Amino acid sequence: MSFTFIDLFAGIGGFRLAFEAMNHQCVFSSEWDKFAIQTYMANFDDIPYGDITKISTDNIPDHDILTAGFPCQPFSTIGKREGFEHATQGTLFFDVARIIADKRPKTFVLENVEGLKNHDNGNTYKIIKETLEDELNYTIFDEVLDAANYGVPQHRKRIYIVGFRSDIASHPQFDFRWSEPEKETVGIGQFVEQHDEGYNISEHLQKVYIFKKDDGRPQIITPESDFPVKTLVASYHKIQRLTGTFVRDGSTGLRLLSENECKAIMGFPQDFIIPVSRTQMYRQFGNAVAVPVVKKIAESMTMTLRLVAERELVNE
C-alpha cells in the first residue's frame, strides 16, 4: 500500500529519497534556490515549482503526506491574536499551514533546527504547535533526533514534528511510535578517502588560522577515526576552525571533506549526482536532512497509515 506526498522546501531531495524508498509517489515539489533545483532535477528528473509563497493551493495536487524542512523565522506576537493567518503571516511556516488547512493531508512531517523549541523564549514553537493542534486539528508528536543514533557518521540534532489528522489519530487502532535508536554509532573513518589534490587547505591558512591555537580545534579525521563527526553546516566552505571537520590528507596535509565523504555524512547514496560547484555542494548538504533518519520516520508514519487503512478507519 503506497501513498502520495508533496516535497516542500525540497532542497536537494532528502525527504523525497526517504519517502520514495517506502514506494510512495511524489506528486508535487517546491524549491526556490536555483542551484538546489539543478541538483534536484539531475537526480529526480523533475523540476520543482518555485517560491512557495507565490503558489496557490489550487495548483497543488491532493496528497496523503506533506513533508517540509521549513526555515525558522521570527514570528510576530504583537497585537491581537486572530488565528494562524495573523500569528504566522510573513513567515514560511504560514505557507505550510495554509497548505495543510486547504489540502488536509492524512499526515505530515516537518523538520527544523534543534533550537526551534527555544527560539524567542519558546514563543515561536508555541505558535507552531497551537496552529497545528488547535487550529488545524492535528495530533502532534515532536522529538529531537540525533542522526548519529540512526546509522549516520555525524552528530546532527534536528527537531522532527509529525502530525496526523484528528480522524486518524482518534481511532483505537492508531499507534505511532518513533523508531528506537541503534545501539552503536557509525564511525567516519571507514568512509574517508585519499585525495592528493582538489580539496587541500593551504599550509599558510593552516599556520595563521586553522592551528593558531593548541585547543583541540578543529576536528581532524583520518581513516582510523571511529566516531561520528560534528554537524556539517551550510557554511562549511568558509573553513571555520571552531565548527569544521577536516581530513588529515592531501599534499598540504589537510583538506576539506570530499563529495563522497559528504554523501556518507548525510546518508545520501554514493550515486547521487552533484552537478554544481563545490561551494554549492557544501551549502546543499549542510542544509539537507540526514536521509536515514527520515527513512526511519517514514517507516513509522507508513506503518501507522497502513494499519489504519487496513482497518478501514480512515475517513476520506
C-alpha atoms as a PDB file:
ATOM      1  CA  MET A   1       0.000   0.000   0.000  1.00  0.00           C
ATOM      2  CA  SER A   2       1.579   3.249  -1.143  1.00  0.00           C
ATOM      3  CA  PHE A   3       0.649   6.888  -0.608  1.00  0.00           C
ATOM      4  CA  THR A   4       1.213  10.217  -2.339  1.00  0.00           C
ATOM      5  CA  PHE A   5       3.327  13.005  -0.868  1.00  0.00           C
ATOM      6  CA  ILE A   6       4.500  16.529  -1.579  1.00  0.00           C
ATOM      7  CA  ASP A   7       8.031  17.816  -1.031  1.00  0.00           C
ATOM      8  CA  LEU A   8       8.086  21.426   0.240  1.00  0.00           C
ATOM      9  CA  PHE A   9      11.309  23.404   0.740  1.00  0.00           C
ATOM     10  CA  ALA A  10      12.678  20.407  -1.113  1.00  0.00           C
ATOM     11  CA  GLY A  11      16.355  21.370  -1.215  1.00  0.00           C
ATOM     12  CA  ILE A  12      18.172  18.546  -2.983  1.00  0.00           C
ATOM     13  CA  GLY A  13      15.547  15.925  -2.179  1.00  0.00           C
ATOM     14  CA  GLY A  14      16.465  14.222   1.087  1.00  0.00           C
ATOM     15  CA  PHE A  15      12.829  13.809   2.088  1.00  0.00           C
ATOM     16  CA  ARG A  16      11.995  12.520  -1.374  1.00  0.00           C
ATOM     17  CA  LEU A  17      14.703   9.845  -1.217  1.00  0.00           C
ATOM     18  CA  ALA A  18      13.335   8.639   2.111  1.00  0.00           C
ATOM     19  CA  PHE A  19       9.673   8.515   1.155  1.00  0.00           C
ATOM     20  CA  GLU A  20      10.266   7.053  -2.299  1.00  0.00           C
ATOM     21  CA  ALA A  21      12.135   4.274  -0.501  1.00  0.00           C
ATOM     22  CA  MET A  22       8.717   3.428   1.017  1.00  0.00           C
ATOM     23  CA  ASN A  23       7.272   3.241  -2.530  1.00  0.00           C
ATOM     24  CA  HIS A  24       5.335   6.468  -2.081  1.00  0.00           C
ATOM     25  CA  GLN A  25       4.778   8.791  -5.044  1.00  0.00           C
ATOM     26  CA  CYS A  26       5.859  12.429  -5.087  1.00  0.00           C
ATOM     27  CA  VAL A  27       3.131  14.478  -6.793  1.00  0.00           C
ATOM     28  CA  PHE A  28       4.477  17.994  -6.161  1.00  0.00           C
ATOM     29  CA  SER A  29       7.705  19.678  -5.089  1.00  0.00           C
ATOM     30  CA  SER A  30       8.743  23.246  -4.388  1.00  0.00           C
ATOM     31  CA  GLU A  31      12.190  24.857  -4.039  1.00  0.00           C
ATOM     32  CA  TRP A  32      13.302  28.419  -4.788  1.00  0.00           C
ATOM     33  CA  ASP A  33      17.113  28.105  -4.854  1.00  0.00           C
ATOM     34  CA  LYS A  34      18.310  27.774  -8.452  1.00  0.00           C
ATOM     35  CA  PHE A  35      21.350  25.660  -7.554  1.00  0.00           C
ATOM     36  CA  ALA A  36      19.357  23.241  -5.409  1.00  0.00           C
ATOM     37  CA  ILE A  37      16.882  22.941  -8.285  1.00  0.00           C
ATOM     38  CA  GLN A  38      19.762  21.871 -10.566  1.00  0.00           C
ATOM     39  CA  THR A  39      20.726  19.066  -8.189  1.00  0.00           C
ATOM     40  CA  TYR A  40      17.101  18.038  -7.625  1.00  0.00           C
ATOM     41  CA  MET A  41      16.437  17.889 -11.369  1.00  0.00           C
ATOM     42  CA  ALA A  42      19.624  15.892 -12.020  1.00  0.00           C
ATOM     43  CA  ASN A  43      18.570  13.187  -9.564  1.00  0.00           C
ATOM     44  CA  PHE A  44      14.793  13.030  -9.897  1.00  0.00           C
ATOM     45  CA  ASP A  45      14.237  14.220 -13.475  1.00  0.00           C
ATOM     46  CA  ASP A  46      11.688  16.620 -12.025  1.00  0.00           C
ATOM     47  CA  ILE A  47      11.780  20.419 -11.870  1.00  0.00           C
ATOM     48  CA  PRO A  48      10.356  21.757  -8.585  1.00  0.00           C
ATOM     49  CA  TYR A  49       7.944  24.664  -8.623  1.00  0.00           C
ATOM     50  CA  GLY A  50       9.498  27.905  -7.399  1.00  0.00           C
ATOM     51  CA  ASP A  51       8.730  30.185  -4.475  1.00  0.00           C
ATOM     52  CA  ILE A  52       6.046  28.509  -2.334  1.00  0.00           C
ATOM     53  CA  THR A  53       4.765  31.888  -1.143  1.00  0.00           C
ATOM     54  CA  LYS A  54       3.560  32.574  -4.683  1.00  0.00           C
ATOM     55  CA  ILE A  55       1.904  29.206  -5.304  1.00  0.00           C
ATOM     56  CA  SER A  56      -1.834  28.859  -4.809  1.00  0.00           C
ATOM     57  CA  THR A  57      -3.103  25.693  -3.132  1.00  0.00           C
ATOM     58  CA  ASP A  58      -5.305  25.272  -6.215  1.00  0.00           C
ATOM     59  CA  ASN A  59      -2.134  24.331  -8.078  1.00  0.00           C
ATOM     60  CA  ILE A  60      -1.068  21.737  -5.508  1.00  0.00           C
ATOM     61  CA  PRO A  61      -2.485  18.211  -6.005  1.00  0.00           C
ATOM     62  CA  ASP A  62      -4.292  16.387  -3.234  1.00  0.00           C
ATOM     63  CA  HIS A  63      -1.870  14.222  -1.277  1.00  0.00           C
ATOM     64  CA  ASP A  64      -1.657  11.863   1.682  1.00  0.00           C
ATOM     65  CA  ILE A  65       1.618  13.074   3.194  1.00  0.00           C
ATOM     66  CA  LEU A  66       3.201  16.527   3.395  1.00  0.00           C
ATOM     67  CA  THR A  67       6.937  16.896   4.036  1.00  0.00           C
ATOM     68  CA  ALA A  68       8.732  20.169   4.731  1.00  0.00           C
ATOM     69  CA  GLY A  69      12.070  21.232   6.149  1.00  0.00           C
ATOM     70  CA  PHE A  70      10.960  24.827   6.531  1.00  0.00           C
ATOM     71  CA  PRO A  71      13.333  27.641   7.554  1.00  0.00           C
ATOM     72  CA  CYS A  72      12.976  29.117  11.034  1.00  0.00           C
ATOM     73  CA  GLN A  73      11.974  32.774  11.005  1.00  0.00           C
ATOM     74  CA  PRO A  74      10.844  35.156  13.768  1.00  0.00           C
ATOM     75  CA  PHE A  75       7.113  35.134  14.473  1.00  0.00           C
ATOM     76  CA  SER A  76       5.342  38.353  15.410  1.00  0.00           C
ATOM     77  CA  THR A  77       3.239  38.109  18.564  1.00  0.00           C
ATOM     78  CA  ILE A  78       2.408  41.813  18.726  1.00  0.00           C
ATOM     79  CA  GLY A  79      -1.234  42.811  18.717  1.00  0.00           C
ATOM     80  CA  LYS A  80      -4.453  40.858  18.928  1.00  0.00           C
ATOM     81  CA  ARG A  81      -4.153  37.164  18.072  1.00  0.00           C
ATOM     82  CA  GLU A  82      -6.562  36.228  15.291  1.00  0.00           C
ATOM     83  CA  GLY A  83      -5.501  32.717  14.367  1.00  0.00           C
ATOM     84  CA  PHE A  84      -2.571  31.363  12.400  1.00  0.00           C
ATOM     85  CA  GLU A  85      -3.027  33.746   9.463  1.00  0.00           C
ATOM     86  CA  HIS A  86      -2.322  36.614  11.825  1.00  0.00           C
ATOM     87  CA  ALA A  87       0.306  34.972  14.012  1.00  0.00           C
ATOM     88  CA  THR A  88       2.340  33.342  11.240  1.00  0.00           C
ATOM     89  CA  GLN A  89       1.842  35.713   8.309  1.00  0.00           C
ATOM     90  CA  GLY A  90       5.179  36.785   6.880  1.00  0.00           C
ATOM     91  CA  THR A  91       6.898  33.522   7.831  1.00  0.00           C
ATOM     92  CA  LEU A  92       7.398  30.457   5.674  1.00  0.00           C
ATOM     93  CA  PHE A  93       5.586  28.321   8.237  1.00  0.00           C
ATOM     94  CA  PHE A  94       2.448  30.211   7.196  1.00  0.00           C
ATOM     95  CA  ASP A  95       2.681  28.586   3.765  1.00  0.00           C
ATOM     96  CA  VAL A  96       2.989  25.130   5.304  1.00  0.00           C
ATOM     97  CA  ALA A  97      -0.058  25.877   7.467  1.00  0.00           C
ATOM     98  CA  ARG A  98      -2.209  27.205   4.622  1.00  0.00           C
ATOM     99  CA  ILE A  99      -1.486  24.114   2.513  1.00  0.00           C
ATOM    100  CA  ILE A 100      -2.322  21.786   5.396  1.00  0.00           C
ATOM    101  CA  ALA A 101      -5.505  23.787   6.081  1.00  0.00           C
ATOM    102  CA  ASP A 102      -6.677  23.537   2.485  1.00  0.00           C
ATOM    103  CA  LYS A 103      -5.456  20.065   1.463  1.00  0.00           C
ATOM    104  CA  ARG A 104      -5.937  18.213   4.784  1.00  0.00           C
ATOM    105  CA  PRO A 105      -3.290  15.513   4.245  1.00  0.00           C
ATOM    106  CA  LYS A 106      -3.523  12.393   6.374  1.00  0.00           C
ATOM    107  CA  THR A 107      -0.172  13.149   7.944  1.00  0.00           C
ATOM    108  CA  PHE A 108       2.852  15.422   7.704  1.00  0.00           C
ATOM    109  CA  VAL A 109       6.450  15.620   8.882  1.00  0.00           C
ATOM    110  CA  LEU A 110       8.285  18.892   9.453  1.00  0.00           C
ATOM    111  CA  GLU A 111      11.999  19.317  10.191  1.00  0.00           C
ATOM    112  CA  ASN A 112      13.918  22.189  11.716  1.00  0.00           C
ATOM    113  CA  VAL A 113      16.960  23.022  13.810  1.00  0.00           C
ATOM    114  CA  GLU A 114      17.071  21.796  17.393  1.00  0.00           C
ATOM    115  CA  GLY A 115      16.856  25.359  18.702  1.00  0.00           C
ATOM    116  CA  LEU A 116      13.368  25.883  17.255  1.00  0.00           C
ATOM    117  CA  LYS A 117      11.797  24.936  20.590  1.00  0.00           C
ATOM    118  CA  ASN A 118      13.688  27.679  22.419  1.00  0.00           C
ATOM    119  CA  HIS A 119      13.510  30.324  19.694  1.00  0.00           C
ATOM    120  CA  ASP A 120      12.126  33.626  21.007  1.00  0.00           C
ATOM    121  CA  ASN A 121      11.880  32.162  24.525  1.00  0.00           C
ATOM    122  CA  GLY A 122       9.674  29.353  23.246  1.00  0.00           C
ATOM    123  CA  ASN A 123       7.075  31.621  21.641  1.00  0.00           C
ATOM    124  CA  THR A 124       7.844  30.508  18.083  1.00  0.00           C
ATOM    125  CA  TYR A 125       7.270  26.838  18.815  1.00  0.00           C
ATOM    126  CA  LYS A 126       4.229  27.662  20.931  1.00  0.00           C
ATOM    127  CA  ILE A 127       2.594  29.341  17.927  1.00  0.00           C
ATOM    128  CA  ILE A 128       3.557  26.455  15.632  1.00  0.00           C
ATOM    129  CA  LYS A 129       2.118  23.846  17.984  1.00  0.00           C
ATOM    130  CA  GLU A 130      -1.079  25.812  18.684  1.00  0.00           C
ATOM    131  CA  THR A 131      -1.560  26.301  14.947  1.00  0.00           C
ATOM    132  CA  LEU A 132      -1.140  22.617  14.127  1.00  0.00           C
ATOM    133  CA  GLU A 133      -3.126  21.238  17.073  1.00  0.00           C
ATOM    134  CA  ASP A 134      -5.803  23.779  17.917  1.00  0.00           C
ATOM    135  CA  GLU A 135      -6.495  25.461  14.595  1.00  0.00           C
ATOM    136  CA  LEU A 136      -5.682  22.767  12.041  1.00  0.00           C
ATOM    137  CA  ASN A 137      -6.813  19.894  14.284  1.00  0.00           C
ATOM    138  CA  TYR A 138      -3.879  17.505  14.011  1.00  0.00           C
ATOM    139  CA  THR A 139      -2.369  15.308  16.706  1.00  0.00           C
ATOM    140  CA  ILE A 140       1.291  16.230  17.073  1.00  0.00           C
ATOM    141  CA  PHE A 141       4.384  14.246  18.006  1.00  0.00           C
ATOM    142  CA  ASP A 142       7.736  16.025  18.270  1.00  0.00           C
ATOM    143  CA  GLU A 143      11.185  14.714  19.015  1.00  0.00           C
ATOM    144  CA  VAL A 144      14.784  15.888  18.732  1.00  0.00           C
ATOM    145  CA  LEU A 145      16.730  13.131  16.975  1.00  0.00           C
ATOM    146  CA  ASP A 146      20.490  12.847  16.512  1.00  0.00           C
ATOM    147  CA  ALA A 147      21.470  11.350  13.160  1.00  0.00           C
ATOM    148  CA  ALA A 148      24.381   9.585  14.873  1.00  0.00           C
ATOM    149  CA  ASN A 149      21.839   7.320  16.572  1.00  0.00           C
ATOM    150  CA  TYR A 150      20.447   6.162  13.231  1.00  0.00           C
ATOM    151  CA  GLY A 151      23.457   4.866  11.359  1.00  0.00           C
ATOM    152  CA  VAL A 152      24.838   8.202  10.164  1.00  0.00           C
ATOM    153  CA  PRO A 153      28.514   9.041  10.913  1.00  0.00           C
ATOM    154  CA  GLN A 154      27.593  12.565  12.021  1.00  0.00           C
ATOM    155  CA  HIS A 155      26.125  14.189  15.114  1.00  0.00           C
ATOM    156  CA  ARG A 156      23.208  16.141  13.715  1.00  0.00           C
ATOM    157  CA  LYS A 157      20.385  17.033  16.088  1.00  0.00           C
ATOM    158  CA  ARG A 158      17.159  18.193  14.480  1.00  0.00           C
ATOM    159  CA  ILE A 159      13.595  18.512  15.686  1.00  0.00           C
ATOM    160  CA  TYR A 160      11.024  16.486  13.764  1.00  0.00           C
ATOM    161  CA  ILE A 161       7.311  17.240  14.057  1.00  0.00           C
ATOM    162  CA  VAL A 162       4.916  14.528  12.879  1.00  0.00           C
ATOM    163  CA  GLY A 163       1.198  15.238  12.718  1.00  0.00           C
ATOM    164  CA  PHE A 164      -1.811  13.041  11.990  1.00  0.00           C
ATOM    165  CA  ARG A 165      -5.284  14.256  11.051  1.00  0.00           C
ATOM    166  CA  SER A 166      -7.626  14.024  14.026  1.00  0.00           C
ATOM    167  CA  ASP A 167      -9.942  11.418  12.481  1.00  0.00           C
ATOM    168  CA  ILE A 168      -6.952   9.112  12.004  1.00  0.00           C
ATOM    169  CA  ALA A 169      -5.304   9.764  15.352  1.00  0.00           C
ATOM    170  CA  SER A 170      -8.544   9.245  17.301  1.00  0.00           C
ATOM    171  CA  HIS A 171      -9.137   5.640  16.204  1.00  0.00           C
ATOM    172  CA  PRO A 172      -8.246   2.827  18.636  1.00  0.00           C
ATOM    173  CA  GLN A 173      -6.003   1.136  16.062  1.00  0.00           C
ATOM    174  CA  PHE A 174      -3.849   4.241  15.715  1.00  0.00           C
ATOM    175  CA  ASP A 175      -0.329   3.662  17.038  1.00  0.00           C
ATOM    176  CA  PHE A 176       2.520   5.972  16.051  1.00  0.00           C
ATOM    177  CA  ARG A 177       5.920   5.418  17.632  1.00  0.00           C
ATOM    178  CA  TRP A 178       9.346   6.873  16.989  1.00  0.00           C
ATOM    179  CA  SER A 179      11.925   4.310  15.879  1.00  0.00           C
ATOM    180  CA  GLU A 180      14.308   3.144  18.565  1.00  0.00           C
ATOM    181  CA  PRO A 181      17.899   4.425  18.249  1.00  0.00           C
ATOM    182  CA  GLU A 182      20.522   1.934  17.138  1.00  0.00           C
ATOM    183  CA  LYS A 183      22.757   0.523  19.843  1.00  0.00           C
ATOM    184  CA  GLU A 184      26.072   1.504  18.249  1.00  0.00           C
ATOM    185  CA  THR A 185      27.171   4.585  16.348  1.00  0.00           C
ATOM    186  CA  VAL A 186      28.976   4.509  13.000  1.00  0.00           C
ATOM    187  CA  GLY A 187      32.470   5.988  12.744  1.00  0.00           C
ATOM    188  CA  ILE A 188      33.510   8.245   9.864  1.00  0.00           C
ATOM    189  CA  GLY A 189      36.867   6.504   9.318  1.00  0.00           C
ATOM    190  CA  GLN A 190      35.537   3.793   7.021  1.00  0.00           C
ATOM    191  CA  PHE A 191      34.306   6.491   4.597  1.00  0.00           C
ATOM    192  CA  VAL A 192      37.489   8.598   4.499  1.00  0.00           C
ATOM    193  CA  GLU A 193      39.105   8.700   1.045  1.00  0.00           C
ATOM    194  CA  GLN A 194      42.519   9.752  -0.236  1.00  0.00           C
ATOM    195  CA  HIS A 195      42.783  12.937  -2.282  1.00  0.00           C
ATOM    196  CA  ASP A 196      46.207  14.406  -3.009  1.00  0.00           C
ATOM    197  CA  GLU A 197      44.715  17.446  -4.758  1.00  0.00           C
ATOM    198  CA  GLY A 198      41.416  19.237  -5.149  1.00  0.00           C
ATOM    199  CA  TYR A 199      40.298  19.752  -1.561  1.00  0.00           C
ATOM    200  CA  ASN A 200      43.519  20.997   0.031  1.00  0.00           C
ATOM    201  CA  ILE A 201      43.743  23.695   2.691  1.00  0.00           C
ATOM    202  CA  SER A 202      46.859  25.791   2.153  1.00  0.00           C
ATOM    203  CA  GLU A 203      49.766  25.476   4.563  1.00  0.00           C
ATOM    204  CA  HIS A 204      49.636  29.240   5.129  1.00  0.00           C
ATOM    205  CA  LEU A 205      45.978  29.134   6.193  1.00  0.00           C
ATOM    206  CA  GLN A 206      46.720  26.223   8.489  1.00  0.00           C
ATOM    207  CA  LYS A 207      49.527  28.134  10.173  1.00  0.00           C
ATOM    208  CA  VAL A 208      47.865  31.524  10.627  1.00  0.00           C
ATOM    209  CA  TYR A 209      44.314  30.336  11.286  1.00  0.00           C
ATOM    210  CA  ILE A 210      43.455  26.643  11.498  1.00  0.00           C
ATOM    211  CA  PHE A 211      46.118  25.749  14.070  1.00  0.00           C
ATOM    212  CA  LYS A 212      46.725  29.204  15.535  1.00  0.00           C
ATOM    213  CA  LYS A 213      45.751  27.833  18.957  1.00  0.00           C
ATOM    214  CA  ASP A 214      46.504  24.481  20.554  1.00  0.00           C
ATOM    215  CA  ASP A 215      42.928  23.980  21.768  1.00  0.00           C
ATOM    216  CA  GLY A 216      41.915  20.776  20.030  1.00  0.00           C
ATOM    217  CA  ARG A 217      40.097  22.661  17.290  1.00  0.00           C
ATOM    218  CA  PRO A 218      39.115  21.966  14.582  1.00  0.00           C
ATOM    219  CA  GLN A 219      38.098  18.314  14.444  1.00  0.00           C
ATOM    220  CA  ILE A 220      40.585  16.310  12.345  1.00  0.00           C
ATOM    221  CA  ILE A 221      39.726  12.876  10.953  1.00  0.00           C
ATOM    222  CA  THR A 222      41.636  10.002   9.368  1.00  0.00           C
ATOM    223  CA  PRO A 223      40.687   6.512   8.150  1.00  0.00           C
ATOM    224  CA  GLU A 224      41.198   5.386  11.767  1.00  0.00           C
ATOM    225  CA  SER A 225      38.605   7.800  13.197  1.00  0.00           C
ATOM    226  CA  ASP A 226      35.995   5.628  14.883  1.00  0.00           C
ATOM    227  CA  PHE A 227      33.457   8.304  15.797  1.00  0.00           C
ATOM    228  CA  PRO A 228      30.731  10.425  14.167  1.00  0.00           C
ATOM    229  CA  VAL A 229      31.854  13.882  13.019  1.00  0.00           C
ATOM    230  CA  LYS A 230      30.428  17.194  14.139  1.00  0.00           C
ATOM    231  CA  THR A 231      27.405  18.679  12.364  1.00  0.00           C
ATOM    232  CA  LEU A 232      28.024  19.603   8.721  1.00  0.00           C
ATOM    233  CA  VAL A 233      26.891  23.197   8.262  1.00  0.00           C
ATOM    234  CA  ALA A 234      25.942  25.118   5.122  1.00  0.00           C
ATOM    235  CA  SER A 235      28.890  27.492   5.601  1.00  0.00           C
ATOM    236  CA  TYR A 236      31.437  24.644   5.692  1.00  0.00           C
ATOM    237  CA  HIS A 237      33.198  26.024   2.599  1.00  0.00           C
ATOM    238  CA  LYS A 238      34.287  29.049   4.654  1.00  0.00           C
ATOM    239  CA  ILE A 239      36.709  26.792   6.582  1.00  0.00           C
ATOM    240  CA  GLN A 240      35.695  27.714  10.125  1.00  0.00           C
ATOM    241  CA  ARG A 241      38.073  26.284  12.702  1.00  0.00           C
ATOM    242  CA  LEU A 242      35.559  26.112  15.564  1.00  0.00           C
ATOM    243  CA  THR A 243      32.815  24.232  13.730  1.00  0.00           C
ATOM    244  CA  GLY A 244      34.657  22.490  10.904  1.00  0.00           C
ATOM    245  CA  THR A 245      35.785  18.908  10.411  1.00  0.00           C
ATOM    246  CA  PHE A 246      38.806  18.421   8.172  1.00  0.00           C
ATOM    247  CA  VAL A 247      40.774  15.428   6.874  1.00  0.00           C
ATOM    248  CA  ARG A 248      44.447  14.664   7.588  1.00  0.00           C
ATOM    249  CA  ASP A 249      45.321  14.075   3.946  1.00  0.00           C
ATOM    250  CA  GLY A 250      46.405  15.727   0.714  1.00  0.00           C
ATOM    251  CA  SER A 251      49.597  17.383  -0.486  1.00  0.00           C
ATOM    252  CA  THR A 252      49.337  20.074   2.206  1.00  0.00           C
ATOM    253  CA  GLY A 253      48.496  17.634   4.980  1.00  0.00           C
ATOM    254  CA  LEU A 254      44.941  18.895   5.498  1.00  0.00           C
ATOM    255  CA  ARG A 255      41.901  19.070   3.277  1.00  0.00           C
ATOM    256  CA  LEU A 256      38.172  19.671   3.175  1.00  0.00           C
ATOM    257  CA  LEU A 257      35.682  16.825   3.075  1.00  0.00           C
ATOM    258  CA  SER A 258      35.264  15.243  -0.345  1.00  0.00           C
ATOM    259  CA  GLU A 259      31.983  14.858  -2.198  1.00  0.00           C
ATOM    260  CA  ASN A 260      31.685  11.168  -1.311  1.00  0.00           C
ATOM    261  CA  GLU A 261      32.518  11.855   2.333  1.00  0.00           C
ATOM    262  CA  CYS A 262      29.741  14.462   2.463  1.00  0.00           C
ATOM    263  CA  LYS A 263      27.324  11.946   0.984  1.00  0.00           C
ATOM    264  CA  ALA A 264      28.266   9.417   3.660  1.00  0.00           C
ATOM    265  CA  ILE A 265      27.942  12.014   6.419  1.00  0.00           C
ATOM    266  CA  MET A 266      24.415  12.902   5.273  1.00  0.00           C
ATOM    267  CA  GLY A 267      23.326   9.358   4.375  1.00  0.00           C
ATOM    268  CA  PHE A 268      22.898  10.062   0.655  1.00  0.00           C
ATOM    269  CA  PRO A 269      23.628   7.268  -1.851  1.00  0.00           C
ATOM    270  CA  GLN A 270      27.058   7.336  -3.473  1.00  0.00           C
ATOM    271  CA  ASP A 271      25.496   7.558  -6.947  1.00  0.00           C
ATOM    272  CA  PHE A 272      23.681  10.790  -6.023  1.00  0.00           C
ATOM    273  CA  ILE A 273      24.551  13.349  -8.705  1.00  0.00           C
ATOM    274  CA  ILE A 274      26.146  16.679  -7.752  1.00  0.00           C
ATOM    275  CA  PRO A 275      26.102  18.947 -10.853  1.00  0.00           C
ATOM    276  CA  VAL A 276      27.012  22.175  -9.040  1.00  0.00           C
ATOM    277  CA  SER A 277      30.200  23.816  -7.761  1.00  0.00           C
ATOM    278  CA  ARG A 278      31.960  22.623  -4.631  1.00  0.00           C
ATOM    279  CA  THR A 279      30.775  25.678  -2.691  1.00  0.00           C
ATOM    280  CA  GLN A 280      27.171  24.965  -3.630  1.00  0.00           C
ATOM    281  CA  MET A 281      27.652  21.275  -2.818  1.00  0.00           C
ATOM    282  CA  TYR A 282      28.695  22.102   0.746  1.00  0.00           C
ATOM    283  CA  ARG A 283      25.778  24.510   1.120  1.00  0.00           C
ATOM    284  CA  GLN A 284      23.340  21.926  -0.182  1.00  0.00           C
ATOM    285  CA  PHE A 285      24.495  19.070   2.017  1.00  0.00           C
ATOM    286  CA  GLY A 286      24.739  21.417   5.008  1.00  0.00           C
ATOM    287  CA  ASN A 287      21.093  22.377   4.514  1.00  0.00           C
ATOM    288  CA  ALA A 288      19.870  18.839   3.770  1.00  0.00           C
ATOM    289  CA  VAL A 289      18.230  16.270   6.018  1.00  0.00           C
ATOM    290  CA  ALA A 290      20.050  13.117   7.081  1.00  0.00           C
ATOM    291  CA  VAL A 291      18.291  10.607   4.836  1.00  0.00           C
ATOM    292  CA  PRO A 292      18.476   7.517   7.126  1.00  0.00           C
ATOM    293  CA  VAL A 293      16.768   9.449   9.937  1.00  0.00           C
ATOM    294  CA  VAL A 294      13.905  10.488   7.683  1.00  0.00           C
ATOM    295  CA  LYS A 295      13.652   6.921   6.370  1.00  0.00           C
ATOM    296  CA  LYS A 296      13.032   5.700   9.914  1.00  0.00           C
ATOM    297  CA  ILE A 297      10.352   8.352  10.407  1.00  0.00           C
ATOM    298  CA  ALA A 298       8.812   7.499   7.036  1.00  0.00           C
ATOM    299  CA  GLU A 299       8.683   3.832   8.040  1.00  0.00           C
ATOM    300  CA  SER A 300       6.840   4.661  11.272  1.00  0.00           C
ATOM    301  CA  MET A 301       4.408   7.010   9.518  1.00  0.00           C
ATOM    302  CA  THR A 302       3.772   4.475   6.766  1.00  0.00           C
ATOM    303  CA  MET A 303       3.182   1.636   9.188  1.00  0.00           C
ATOM    304  CA  THR A 304       0.687   3.777  11.077  1.00  0.00           C
ATOM    305  CA  LEU A 305      -1.208   4.787   7.938  1.00  0.00           C
ATOM    306  CA  ARG A 306      -1.299   1.246   6.589  1.00  0.00           C
ATOM    307  CA  LEU A 307      -2.602  -0.156   9.843  1.00  0.00           C
ATOM    308  CA  VAL A 308      -5.404   2.396   9.946  1.00  0.00           C
ATOM    309  CA  ALA A 309      -6.216   1.970   6.247  1.00  0.00           C
ATOM    310  CA  GLU A 310      -6.344  -1.797   6.523  1.00  0.00           C
ATOM    311  CA  ARG A 311      -8.935  -1.448   9.260  1.00  0.00           C
ATOM    312  CA  GLU A 312     -10.909   0.889   7.004  1.00  0.00           C
ATOM    313  CA  LEU A 313     -10.741   3.545   9.654  1.00  0.00           C
ATOM    314  CA  VAL A 314      -9.661   6.477   7.537  1.00  0.00           C
ATOM    315  CA  ASN A 315     -12.446   8.949   6.860  1.00  0.00           C
ATOM    316  CA  GLU A 316     -11.815  10.327   3.410  1.00  0.00           C
END
